[in-house]
């Protein structure tokens, strides 16, 4: 995710954060049938201007 993202609320620049902190592990999206290691990673972005937070999903390639 290298492109500069604009805030949908104020138009400011969105900055990628390292992690969402809550339980000391990276946030992942688990779907039916997934185990933790196969889950998609969630990447948080925040607006430098207004603080708006938006989450993006980094999809993993399916195992064959």
PDB file of N, CA and C in Angstrom:
ATOM      1  N   UNK A   1       0.840  -1.178   0.000  1.00  0.00           N
ATOM      2  CA  UNK A   1       0.000   0.000   0.000  1.00  0.00           C
ATOM      3  C   UNK A   1       0.886   1.242   0.000  1.00  0.00           C
ATOM      4  N   UNK A   2       1.404   1.601  -1.142  1.00  0.00           N
ATOM      5  CA  UNK A   2       2.357   2.694  -1.216  1.00  0.00           C
ATOM      6  C   UNK A   2       1.732   4.015  -1.651  1.00  0.00           C
ATOM      7  N   UNK A   3       0.528   3.992  -2.199  1.00  0.00           N
ATOM      8  CA  UNK A   3      -0.077   5.235  -2.662  1.00  0.00           C
ATOM      9  C   UNK A   3      -0.493   6.093  -1.466  1.00  0.00           C
ATOM     10  N   UNK A   4      -0.508   7.420  -1.671  1.00  0.00           N
ATOM     11  CA  UNK A   4      -0.948   8.329  -0.619  1.00  0.00           C
ATOM     12  C   UNK A   4      -2.469   8.296  -0.576  1.00  0.00           C
ATOM     13  N   UNK A   5      -3.002   8.001   0.592  1.00  0.00           N
ATOM     14  CA  UNK A   5      -4.450   7.924   0.756  1.00  0.00           C
ATOM     15  C   UNK A   5      -4.952   9.236   1.353  1.00  0.00           C
ATOM     16  N   UNK A   6      -6.123   9.654   0.901  1.00  0.00           N
ATOM     17  CA  UNK A   6      -6.744  10.873   1.402  1.00  0.00           C
ATOM     18  C   UNK A   6      -7.878  10.511   2.353  1.00  0.00           C
ATOM     19  N   UNK A   7      -8.031  11.292   3.386  1.00  0.00           N
ATOM     20  CA  UNK A   7      -9.076  11.079   4.386  1.00  0.00           C
ATOM     21  C   UNK A   7     -10.455  11.315   3.768  1.00  0.00           C
ATOM     22  N   UNK A   8     -11.390  10.369   3.954  1.00  0.00           N
ATOM     23  CA  UNK A   8     -12.734  10.567   3.420  1.00  0.00           C
ATOM     24  C   UNK A   8     -13.539  11.622   4.191  1.00  0.00           C
ATOM     25  N   UNK A   9     -13.066  12.001   5.369  1.00  0.00           N
ATOM     26  CA  UNK A   9     -13.784  12.994   6.177  1.00  0.00           C
ATOM     27  C   UNK A   9     -13.341  14.429   5.879  1.00  0.00           C
ATOM     28  N   UNK A  10     -12.013  14.667   5.880  1.00  0.00           N
ATOM     29  CA  UNK A  10     -11.534  16.048   5.741  1.00  0.00           C
ATOM     30  C   UNK A  10     -10.615  16.262   4.542  1.00  0.00           C
ATOM     31  N   UNK A  11     -10.220  15.169   3.851  1.00  0.00           N
ATOM     32  CA  UNK A  11      -9.326  15.295   2.703  1.00  0.00           C
ATOM     33  C   UNK A  11      -7.857  15.352   3.068  1.00  0.00           C
ATOM     34  N   UNK A  12      -7.540  15.229   4.378  1.00  0.00           N
ATOM     35  CA  UNK A  12      -6.147  15.248   4.824  1.00  0.00           C
ATOM     36  C   UNK A  12      -5.410  13.980   4.424  1.00  0.00           C
ATOM     37  N   UNK A  13      -4.119  13.939   4.706  1.00  0.00           N
ATOM     38  CA  UNK A  13      -3.298  12.782   4.350  1.00  0.00           C
ATOM     39  C   UNK A  13      -3.450  11.673   5.389  1.00  0.00           C
ATOM     40  N   UNK A  14      -3.658  10.449   4.893  1.00  0.00           N
ATOM     41  CA  UNK A  14      -3.754   9.284   5.768  1.00  0.00           C
ATOM     42  C   UNK A  14      -2.363   8.687   5.932  1.00  0.00           C
ATOM     43  N   UNK A  15      -2.014   8.296   7.145  1.00  0.00           N
ATOM     44  CA  UNK A  15      -0.719   7.702   7.471  1.00  0.00           C
ATOM     45  C   UNK A  15      -0.946   6.274   7.952  1.00  0.00           C
ATOM     46  N   UNK A  16      -0.132   5.349   7.481  1.00  0.00           N
ATOM     47  CA  UNK A  16      -0.258   3.956   7.920  1.00  0.00           C
ATOM     48  C   UNK A  16       0.280   3.820   9.335  1.00  0.00           C
ATOM     49  N   UNK A  17      -0.482   3.150  10.191  1.00  0.00           N
ATOM     50  CA  UNK A  17      -0.041   2.848  11.552  1.00  0.00           C
ATOM     51  C   UNK A  17       0.600   1.465  11.556  1.00  0.00           C
ATOM     52  N   UNK A  18       1.312   1.140  12.609  1.00  0.00           N
ATOM     53  CA  UNK A  18       1.985  -0.145  12.702  1.00  0.00           C
ATOM     54  C   UNK A  18       0.999  -1.245  13.100  1.00  0.00           C
ATOM     55  N   UNK A  19       0.266  -1.053  14.174  1.00  0.00           N
ATOM     56  CA  UNK A  19      -0.686  -2.048  14.674  1.00  0.00           C
ATOM     57  C   UNK A  19      -1.829  -1.341  15.388  1.00  0.00           C
ATOM     58  N   UNK A  20      -2.950  -2.024  15.487  1.00  0.00           N
ATOM     59  CA  UNK A  20      -3.985  -1.652  16.437  1.00  0.00           C
ATOM     60  C   UNK A  20      -3.654  -2.426  17.703  1.00  0.00           C
ATOM     61  N   UNK A  21      -3.524  -1.752  18.812  1.00  0.00           N
ATOM     62  CA  UNK A  21      -3.121  -2.418  20.045  1.00  0.00           C
ATOM     63  C   UNK A  21      -4.356  -2.740  20.865  1.00  0.00           C
ATOM     64  N   UNK A  22      -4.408  -3.956  21.359  1.00  0.00           N
ATOM     65  CA  UNK A  22      -5.512  -4.362  22.208  1.00  0.00           C
ATOM     66  C   UNK A  22      -5.155  -5.609  22.990  1.00  0.00           C
ATOM     67  N   UNK A  23      -4.674  -6.600  22.281  1.00  0.00           N
ATOM     68  CA  UNK A  23      -4.342  -7.864  22.925  1.00  0.00           C
ATOM     69  C   UNK A  23      -2.927  -8.303  22.595  1.00  0.00           C
ATOM     70  N   UNK A  24      -2.069  -7.379  22.262  1.00  0.00           N
ATOM     71  CA  UNK A  24      -0.643  -7.615  22.017  1.00  0.00           C
ATOM     72  C   UNK A  24      -0.356  -8.529  20.831  1.00  0.00           C
ATOM     73  N   UNK A  25      -1.274  -8.634  19.899  1.00  0.00           N
ATOM     74  CA  UNK A  25      -1.039  -9.386  18.660  1.00  0.00           C
ATOM     75  C   UNK A  25      -1.545  -8.544  17.496  1.00  0.00           C
ATOM     76  N   UNK A  26      -0.984  -8.713  16.308  1.00  0.00           N
ATOM     77  CA  UNK A  26      -1.522  -7.986  15.152  1.00  0.00           C
ATOM     78  C   UNK A  26      -2.983  -8.367  14.913  1.00  0.00           C
ATOM     79  N   UNK A  27      -3.773  -7.403  14.500  1.00  0.00           N
ATOM     80  CA  UNK A  27      -5.189  -7.656  14.229  1.00  0.00           C
ATOM     81  C   UNK A  27      -5.307  -8.421  12.920  1.00  0.00           C
ATOM     82  N   UNK A  28      -6.105  -9.468  12.928  1.00  0.00           N
ATOM     83  CA  UNK A  28      -6.326 -10.275  11.730  1.00  0.00           C
ATOM     84  C   UNK A  28      -7.827 -10.513  11.570  1.00  0.00           C
ATOM     85  N   UNK A  29      -8.245 -10.701  10.324  1.00  0.00           N
ATOM     86  CA  UNK A  29      -9.641 -10.966  10.009  1.00  0.00           C
ATOM     87  C   UNK A  29      -9.810 -12.468   9.805  1.00  0.00           C
ATOM     88  N   UNK A  30     -10.518 -13.109  10.723  1.00  0.00           N
ATOM     89  CA  UNK A  30     -10.778 -14.534  10.619  1.00  0.00           C
ATOM     90  C   UNK A  30     -12.134 -14.753   9.970  1.00  0.00           C
ATOM     91  N   UNK A  31     -12.145 -15.580   8.944  1.00  0.00           N
ATOM     92  CA  UNK A  31     -13.395 -15.946   8.280  1.00  0.00           C
ATOM     93  C   UNK A  31     -13.674 -17.413   8.592  1.00  0.00           C
ATOM     94  N   UNK A  32     -14.861 -17.884   8.295  1.00  0.00           N
ATOM     95  CA  UNK A  32     -15.201 -19.288   8.549  1.00  0.00           C
ATOM     96  C   UNK A  32     -14.155 -20.202   7.933  1.00  0.00           C
ATOM     97  N   UNK A  33     -13.652 -21.132   8.722  1.00  0.00           N
ATOM     98  CA  UNK A  33     -12.686 -22.100   8.225  1.00  0.00           C
ATOM     99  C   UNK A  33     -11.238 -21.657   8.325  1.00  0.00           C
ATOM    100  N   UNK A  34     -10.970 -20.387   8.681  1.00  0.00           N
ATOM    101  CA  UNK A  34      -9.597 -19.900   8.807  1.00  0.00           C
ATOM    102  C   UNK A  34      -9.030 -20.249  10.177  1.00  0.00           C
ATOM    103  N   UNK A  35      -7.728 -20.500  10.225  1.00  0.00           N
ATOM    104  CA  UNK A  35      -7.066 -20.488  11.516  1.00  0.00           C
ATOM    105  C   UNK A  35      -6.286 -19.179  11.577  1.00  0.00           C
ATOM    106  N   UNK A  36      -5.721 -18.859  12.719  1.00  0.00           N
ATOM    107  CA  UNK A  36      -5.110 -17.541  12.916  1.00  0.00           C
ATOM    108  C   UNK A  36      -4.011 -17.250  11.904  1.00  0.00           C
ATOM    109  N   UNK A  37      -3.178 -18.225  11.598  1.00  0.00           N
ATOM    110  CA  UNK A  37      -2.045 -17.989  10.697  1.00  0.00           C
ATOM    111  C   UNK A  37      -2.470 -17.795   9.247  1.00  0.00           C
ATOM    112  N   UNK A  38      -3.656 -18.279   8.868  1.00  0.00           N
ATOM    113  CA  UNK A  38      -4.148 -18.121   7.498  1.00  0.00           C
ATOM    114  C   UNK A  38      -5.021 -16.880   7.327  1.00  0.00           C
ATOM    115  N   UNK A  39      -5.285 -16.176   8.405  1.00  0.00           N
ATOM    116  CA  UNK A  39      -6.195 -15.034   8.356  1.00  0.00           C
ATOM    117  C   UNK A  39      -5.558 -13.843   7.646  1.00  0.00           C
ATOM    118  N   UNK A  40      -6.406 -12.978   7.081  1.00  0.00           N
ATOM    119  CA  UNK A  40      -5.948 -11.754   6.435  1.00  0.00           C
ATOM    120  C   UNK A  40      -5.536 -10.732   7.487  1.00  0.00           C
ATOM    121  N   UNK A  41      -4.450 -10.034   7.234  1.00  0.00           N
ATOM    122  CA  UNK A  41      -3.953  -9.005   8.147  1.00  0.00           C
ATOM    123  C   UNK A  41      -4.750  -7.716   7.952  1.00  0.00           C
ATOM    124  N   UNK A  42      -5.034  -7.011   9.022  1.00  0.00           N
ATOM    125  CA  UNK A  42      -5.730  -5.724   8.969  1.00  0.00           C
ATOM    126  C   UNK A  42      -4.701  -4.620   9.144  1.00  0.00           C
ATOM    127  N   UNK A  43      -4.693  -3.653   8.216  1.00  0.00           N
ATOM    128  CA  UNK A  43      -3.735  -2.556   8.244  1.00  0.00           C
ATOM    129  C   UNK A  43      -4.481  -1.257   8.554  1.00  0.00           C
ATOM    130  N   UNK A  44      -4.182  -0.633   9.701  1.00  0.00           N
ATOM    131  CA  UNK A  44      -4.862   0.612  10.060  1.00  0.00           C
ATOM    132  C   UNK A  44      -4.178   1.838   9.439  1.00  0.00           C
ATOM    133  N   UNK A  45      -4.985   2.799   9.024  1.00  0.00           N
ATOM    134  CA  UNK A  45      -4.514   4.104   8.572  1.00  0.00           C
ATOM    135  C   UNK A  45      -5.251   5.151   9.392  1.00  0.00           C
ATOM    136  N   UNK A  46      -4.569   6.255   9.713  1.00  0.00           N
ATOM    137  CA  UNK A  46      -5.213   7.338  10.447  1.00  0.00           C
ATOM    138  C   UNK A  46      -4.932   8.658   9.740  1.00  0.00           C
ATOM    139  N   UNK A  47      -5.851   9.587   9.881  1.00  0.00           N
ATOM    140  CA  UNK A  47      -5.685  10.907   9.271  1.00  0.00           C
ATOM    141  C   UNK A  47      -4.804  11.769  10.167  1.00  0.00           C
ATOM    142  N   UNK A  48      -3.765  12.361   9.570  1.00  0.00           N
ATOM    143  CA  UNK A  48      -2.871  13.240  10.323  1.00  0.00           C
ATOM    144  C   UNK A  48      -3.578  14.520  10.765  1.00  0.00           C
ATOM    145  N   UNK A  49      -4.651  14.882  10.067  1.00  0.00           N
ATOM    146  CA  UNK A  49      -5.351  16.131  10.340  1.00  0.00           C
ATOM    147  C   UNK A  49      -6.465  15.973  11.385  1.00  0.00           C
ATOM    148  N   UNK A  50      -7.407  15.051  11.134  1.00  0.00           N
ATOM    149  CA  UNK A  50      -8.587  14.951  12.010  1.00  0.00           C
ATOM    150  C   UNK A  50      -8.621  13.687  12.870  1.00  0.00           C
ATOM    151  N   UNK A  51      -7.721  12.719  12.612  1.00  0.00           N
ATOM    152  CA  UNK A  51      -7.661  11.514  13.434  1.00  0.00           C
ATOM    153  C   UNK A  51      -8.568  10.382  12.980  1.00  0.00           C
ATOM    154  N   UNK A  52      -9.297  10.561  11.887  1.00  0.00           N
ATOM    155  CA  UNK A  52     -10.172   9.501  11.361  1.00  0.00           C
ATOM    156  C   UNK A  52      -9.354   8.234  11.126  1.00  0.00           C
ATOM    157  N   UNK A  53      -9.898   7.069  11.464  1.00  0.00           N
ATOM    158  CA  UNK A  53      -9.208   5.792  11.285  1.00  0.00           C
ATOM    159  C   UNK A  53      -9.953   4.952  10.259  1.00  0.00           C
ATOM    160  N   UNK A  54      -9.206   4.371   9.328  1.00  0.00           N
ATOM    161  CA  UNK A  54      -9.780   3.487   8.319  1.00  0.00           C
ATOM    162  C   UNK A  54      -8.938   2.215   8.290  1.00  0.00           C
ATOM    163  N   UNK A  55      -9.612   1.067   8.167  1.00  0.00           N
ATOM    164  CA  UNK A  55      -8.937  -0.222   8.160  1.00  0.00           C
ATOM    165  C   UNK A  55      -8.962  -0.817   6.761  1.00  0.00           C
ATOM    166  N   UNK A  56      -7.836  -1.379   6.349  1.00  0.00           N
ATOM    167  CA  UNK A  56      -7.729  -2.054   5.065  1.00  0.00           C
ATOM    168  C   UNK A  56      -7.320  -3.501   5.309  1.00  0.00           C
ATOM    169  N   UNK A  57      -7.789  -4.383   4.462  1.00  0.00           N
ATOM    170  CA  UNK A  57      -7.481  -5.802   4.578  1.00  0.00           C
ATOM    171  C   UNK A  57      -6.394  -6.173   3.584  1.00  0.00           C
ATOM    172  N   UNK A  58      -5.311  -6.760   4.086  1.00  0.00           N
ATOM    173  CA  UNK A  58      -4.246  -7.285   3.231  1.00  0.00           C
ATOM    174  C   UNK A  58      -4.554  -8.759   3.016  1.00  0.00           C
ATOM    175  N   UNK A  59      -4.978  -9.086   1.810  1.00  0.00           N
ATOM    176  CA  UNK A  59      -5.420 -10.455   1.535  1.00  0.00           C
ATOM    177  C   UNK A  59      -4.239 -11.374   1.282  1.00  0.00           C
ATOM    178  N   UNK A  60      -4.299 -12.557   1.860  1.00  0.00           N
ATOM    179  CA  UNK A  60      -3.286 -13.578   1.628  1.00  0.00           C
ATOM    180  C   UNK A  60      -3.706 -14.407   0.424  1.00  0.00           C
ATOM    181  N   UNK A  61      -2.704 -14.961  -0.238  1.00  0.00           N
ATOM    182  CA  UNK A  61      -3.012 -15.844  -1.368  1.00  0.00           C
ATOM    183  C   UNK A  61      -3.520 -17.176  -0.830  1.00  0.00           C
ATOM    184  N   UNK A  62      -4.487 -17.728  -1.527  1.00  0.00           N
ATOM    185  CA  UNK A  62      -5.068 -19.015  -1.138  1.00  0.00           C
ATOM    186  C   UNK A  62      -4.071 -20.142  -1.377  1.00  0.00           C
ATOM    187  N   UNK A  63      -4.041 -21.086  -0.443  1.00  0.00           N
ATOM    188  CA  UNK A  63      -3.210 -22.277  -0.621  1.00  0.00           C
ATOM    189  C   UNK A  63      -3.881 -23.210  -1.609  1.00  0.00           C
ATOM    190  N   UNK A  64      -3.078 -23.872  -2.451  1.00  0.00           N
ATOM    191  CA  UNK A  64      -3.655 -24.774  -3.444  1.00  0.00           C
ATOM    192  C   UNK A  64      -3.650 -26.191  -2.942  1.00  0.00           C
TER     193      UNK A  64
END
